[in-house]
Amino acid sequence: MTKSCEIISFCVAGTHSGAGKTTLTLGLLAAFKKRGYKVQPFKCGPDYLDPGHHQAACGTLSRNLDTWMMGKDAVLESFSLALVGQEVAVLEGVMGLFDGASATTLSGSTAEVALLLELPVILVVDARSMARSIAALVKGFVDFEPKLEIAGVVANNIGSERHRVILEQALAAAALPPLVGALPRGVVPLFGGAPFRSGNRRSRA
């Protein structure tokens, strides 16, 4: 996480839509608020549903950041103005990390916004039925855009503690960003209480 001028800031991105980035983002927003931090959420793209969930989780109006629709200067200005008086900034990505308005450039993607704002990325991976392959997947994301800092990985839909350990070891053995968190399959954290067990439903983002 970047800590500049006393503001902790980072981006939560997924390998694809549905990886679990919204679940993780909401949990983090609620956790920071519970610990007394002033939290400012952001959402990449024009999405209007997730920002509403952000506000419900931390009590602060979430702001959209979209380089394709707003332009880079407007994104920088909006980000800077929203951080006044805040202590934590959490940017939730859109779709997969490199998905945007172009098939050949970073235009309109989460990666473009993260690079523009100089934010480290927490990459969310749907690790259901996955073991060492997590290393191959993460390596692809790390190598695809070397200028982008992927600081850590969160595995969603893990099956057990042993599963978590295997994923952690696979990343470490390949000298990749570390596993910094894991969400058990079927468990969604509530904003202010104990986890809610949702049976076999998958976390969505």
Foldseek 3Di string as FASTA:
>chain_A
DDQDPLAAEAEEFEQFFFLFSLLVLLQVLLVCQVVPFFEEEEEQDPDDVSQVSSCVLHVDRYYYAWCQVQNLVRNVVVVVVRCVPGRYYYYYWDTGQQDADDPPDSHRGVQVSCLSVVHAYEYRGAQVVHFLVVQVSQVCVCPVDVSHHHQEYEYEAAADPVRVVRNQVSCVVSVHHGHPYYYHAQWGDDSPDHIDRRDRDGNGD
